[in-house]
C-alpha cells in the first residue's frame, strides 16, 4: 500500500524514513515536510536508491510555526534570543533570520 508521511526535517526523522524505504515497508511514499529540508538531509534522500524507487511526491508546506496574533508568529526556537542579541553571535544573525524566514510563507493583503 501507499503511505503519507507528514514529517519534520530532522536528521533522526530522515534516518527512520530511509530505514522504511530500505525495508520496503510501503509501495510508494508521499512526503509532506513541515518546513524546508536542509540541503545535507535532502542530499541523503536524493542519493538513496531505495528512496528514489519509493517516493511518489515530495512537498514542503511551511507549517513549522505557531500563530500568536493575526500578524505575529513564533517558532519556539530556544536559540533565537542568544543568536539575535548576543554580540558574539553577530556572524550567525543573517543565516538565522534567513532560516526563520524560509519557515513561513505569508501572502500579505494588498491595500
C-alpha atoms as a PDB file:
ATOM      1  CA  UNK A   1       0.000   0.000   0.000  1.00  0.00           C
ATOM      2  CA  UNK A   2       0.993   3.667  -0.313  1.00  0.00           C
ATOM      3  CA  UNK A   3       1.893   5.811   2.685  1.00  0.00           C
ATOM      4  CA  UNK A   4       1.590   9.506   3.522  1.00  0.00           C
ATOM      5  CA  UNK A   5       4.306  10.903   5.806  1.00  0.00           C
ATOM      6  CA  UNK A   6       3.793  14.319   7.433  1.00  0.00           C
ATOM      7  CA  UNK A   7       7.225  14.877   8.890  1.00  0.00           C
ATOM      8  CA  UNK A   8       9.636  17.459  10.267  1.00  0.00           C
ATOM      9  CA  UNK A   9      13.056  17.930   8.656  1.00  0.00           C
ATOM     10  CA  UNK A  10      15.322  16.448  11.304  1.00  0.00           C
ATOM     11  CA  UNK A  11      18.217  14.021  10.917  1.00  0.00           C
ATOM     12  CA  UNK A  12      16.663  11.242  13.018  1.00  0.00           C
ATOM     13  CA  UNK A  13      13.427  11.514  11.008  1.00  0.00           C
ATOM     14  CA  UNK A  14      15.356  11.107   7.750  1.00  0.00           C
ATOM     15  CA  UNK A  15      17.112   8.064   9.278  1.00  0.00           C
ATOM     16  CA  UNK A  16      13.751   6.450  10.059  1.00  0.00           C
ATOM     17  CA  UNK A  17      12.377   7.336   6.644  1.00  0.00           C
ATOM     18  CA  UNK A  18      15.349   5.814   4.809  1.00  0.00           C
ATOM     19  CA  UNK A  19      15.082   2.739   7.007  1.00  0.00           C
ATOM     20  CA  UNK A  20      11.431   2.319   5.954  1.00  0.00           C
ATOM     21  CA  UNK A  21      12.468   2.603   2.304  1.00  0.00           C
ATOM     22  CA  UNK A  22      15.251   0.040   2.710  1.00  0.00           C
ATOM     23  CA  UNK A  23      12.819  -2.423   4.322  1.00  0.00           C
ATOM     24  CA  UNK A  24      10.333  -1.799   1.503  1.00  0.00           C
ATOM     25  CA  UNK A  25       7.506  -1.330   4.001  1.00  0.00           C
ATOM     26  CA  UNK A  26       5.330   0.579   1.521  1.00  0.00           C
ATOM     27  CA  UNK A  27       4.816   0.536  -2.220  1.00  0.00           C
ATOM     28  CA  UNK A  28       5.026   4.331  -2.684  1.00  0.00           C
ATOM     29  CA  UNK A  29       5.548   7.243  -0.294  1.00  0.00           C
ATOM     30  CA  UNK A  30       4.110  10.733  -0.360  1.00  0.00           C
ATOM     31  CA  UNK A  31       6.283  13.050   1.746  1.00  0.00           C
ATOM     32  CA  UNK A  32       4.917  16.269   3.247  1.00  0.00           C
ATOM     33  CA  UNK A  33       7.578  18.212   5.155  1.00  0.00           C
ATOM     34  CA  UNK A  34       6.554  20.771   7.803  1.00  0.00           C
ATOM     35  CA  UNK A  35       9.384  23.098   6.731  1.00  0.00           C
ATOM     36  CA  UNK A  36      12.246  23.283   4.271  1.00  0.00           C
ATOM     37  CA  UNK A  37      14.609  20.317   4.390  1.00  0.00           C
ATOM     38  CA  UNK A  38      18.255  21.353   4.950  1.00  0.00           C
ATOM     39  CA  UNK A  39      20.448  20.575   1.895  1.00  0.00           C
ATOM     40  CA  UNK A  40      22.546  17.847   3.620  1.00  0.00           C
ATOM     41  CA  UNK A  41      19.385  15.922   4.598  1.00  0.00           C
ATOM     42  CA  UNK A  42      17.860  16.368   1.140  1.00  0.00           C
ATOM     43  CA  UNK A  43      21.096  15.077  -0.391  1.00  0.00           C
ATOM     44  CA  UNK A  44      20.908  11.918   1.751  1.00  0.00           C
ATOM     45  CA  UNK A  45      17.435  11.224   0.371  1.00  0.00           C
ATOM     46  CA  UNK A  46      18.399  12.092  -3.207  1.00  0.00           C
ATOM     47  CA  UNK A  47      21.380   9.716  -3.094  1.00  0.00           C
ATOM     48  CA  UNK A  48      19.440   6.796  -1.628  1.00  0.00           C
ATOM     49  CA  UNK A  49      18.322   4.381  -4.334  1.00  0.00           C
ATOM     50  CA  UNK A  50      15.544   2.814  -2.258  1.00  0.00           C
ATOM     51  CA  UNK A  51      14.150   6.283  -1.567  1.00  0.00           C
ATOM     52  CA  UNK A  52      14.124   7.186  -5.245  1.00  0.00           C
ATOM     53  CA  UNK A  53      12.218   3.986  -6.039  1.00  0.00           C
ATOM     54  CA  UNK A  54       9.534   4.717  -3.406  1.00  0.00           C
ATOM     55  CA  UNK A  55       8.963   8.498  -3.365  1.00  0.00           C
ATOM     56  CA  UNK A  56       5.845   9.401  -5.336  1.00  0.00           C
ATOM     57  CA  UNK A  57       5.615  13.033  -4.179  1.00  0.00           C
ATOM     58  CA  UNK A  58       7.746  15.450  -2.168  1.00  0.00           C
ATOM     59  CA  UNK A  59       6.087  18.604  -0.784  1.00  0.00           C
ATOM     60  CA  UNK A  60       7.047  21.346   1.691  1.00  0.00           C
ATOM     61  CA  UNK A  61       4.115  23.051   3.466  1.00  0.00           C
ATOM     62  CA  UNK A  62       5.986  25.558   5.698  1.00  0.00           C
ATOM     63  CA  UNK A  63       3.762  24.978   8.727  1.00  0.00           C
ATOM     64  CA  UNK A  64       6.531  24.841  11.326  1.00  0.00           C
ATOM     65  CA  UNK A  65       5.404  27.989  13.129  1.00  0.00           C
ATOM     66  CA  UNK A  66       2.881  28.929  15.801  1.00  0.00           C
ATOM     67  CA  UNK A  67       0.482  31.862  15.220  1.00  0.00           C
ATOM     68  CA  UNK A  68       0.203  34.254  18.179  1.00  0.00           C
ATOM     69  CA  UNK A  69      -1.801  37.110  16.640  1.00  0.00           C
ATOM     70  CA  UNK A  70      -3.010  37.994  13.158  1.00  0.00           C
ATOM     71  CA  UNK A  71       0.462  39.212  12.091  1.00  0.00           C
ATOM     72  CA  UNK A  72       2.741  37.631  14.711  1.00  0.00           C
ATOM     73  CA  UNK A  73       4.216  34.139  14.756  1.00  0.00           C
ATOM     74  CA  UNK A  74       6.736  32.329  16.914  1.00  0.00           C
ATOM     75  CA  UNK A  75       8.977  29.407  16.042  1.00  0.00           C
ATOM     76  CA  UNK A  76       9.673  28.360  19.618  1.00  0.00           C
ATOM     77  CA  UNK A  77      13.351  28.285  18.785  1.00  0.00           C
ATOM     78  CA  UNK A  78      15.359  28.451  22.029  1.00  0.00           C
ATOM     79  CA  UNK A  79      18.434  29.742  20.159  1.00  0.00           C
ATOM     80  CA  UNK A  80      16.801  32.814  18.609  1.00  0.00           C
ATOM     81  CA  UNK A  81      17.306  35.132  21.570  1.00  0.00           C
ATOM     82  CA  UNK A  82      21.024  34.406  22.133  1.00  0.00           C
ATOM     83  CA  UNK A  83      21.782  34.455  18.405  1.00  0.00           C
ATOM     84  CA  UNK A  84      19.937  37.712  17.776  1.00  0.00           C
ATOM     85  CA  UNK A  85      21.046  39.601  20.890  1.00  0.00           C
ATOM     86  CA  UNK A  86      24.478  38.317  21.899  1.00  0.00           C
ATOM     87  CA  UNK A  87      27.312  40.401  20.366  1.00  0.00           C
ATOM     88  CA  UNK A  88      29.463  37.287  19.982  1.00  0.00           C
ATOM     89  CA  UNK A  89      26.893  35.735  17.652  1.00  0.00           C
ATOM     90  CA  UNK A  90      26.739  38.594  15.141  1.00  0.00           C
ATOM     91  CA  UNK A  91      28.100  36.337  12.387  1.00  0.00           C
ATOM     92  CA  UNK A  92      25.112  33.986  12.835  1.00  0.00           C
ATOM     93  CA  UNK A  93      22.303  36.572  12.630  1.00  0.00           C
ATOM     94  CA  UNK A  94      21.886  36.668   8.832  1.00  0.00           C
ATOM     95  CA  UNK A  95      21.783  32.875   8.465  1.00  0.00           C
ATOM     96  CA  UNK A  96      19.374  32.556  11.417  1.00  0.00           C
ATOM     97  CA  UNK A  97      16.975  35.171  10.022  1.00  0.00           C
ATOM     98  CA  UNK A  98      17.056  33.523   6.589  1.00  0.00           C
ATOM     99  CA  UNK A  99      16.223  30.159   8.171  1.00  0.00           C
ATOM    100  CA  UNK A 100      13.338  31.707  10.107  1.00  0.00           C
ATOM    101  CA  UNK A 101      12.021  33.495   7.008  1.00  0.00           C
ATOM    102  CA  UNK A 102      12.100  30.273   4.974  1.00  0.00           C
ATOM    103  CA  UNK A 103       9.797  28.610   7.525  1.00  0.00           C
ATOM    104  CA  UNK A 104       6.863  30.877   6.873  1.00  0.00           C
ATOM    105  CA  UNK A 105       5.306  31.845   3.592  1.00  0.00           C
ATOM    106  CA  UNK A 106       2.713  34.546   4.130  1.00  0.00           C
ATOM    107  CA  UNK A 107       0.867  36.471   1.484  1.00  0.00           C
ATOM    108  CA  UNK A 108       0.055  39.910   2.862  1.00  0.00           C
ATOM    109  CA  UNK A 109      -3.152  41.587   1.722  1.00  0.00           C
ATOM    110  CA  UNK A 110      -2.627  44.387  -0.785  1.00  0.00           C
ATOM    111  CA  UNK A 111      -4.029  47.846   0.009  1.00  0.00           C
END
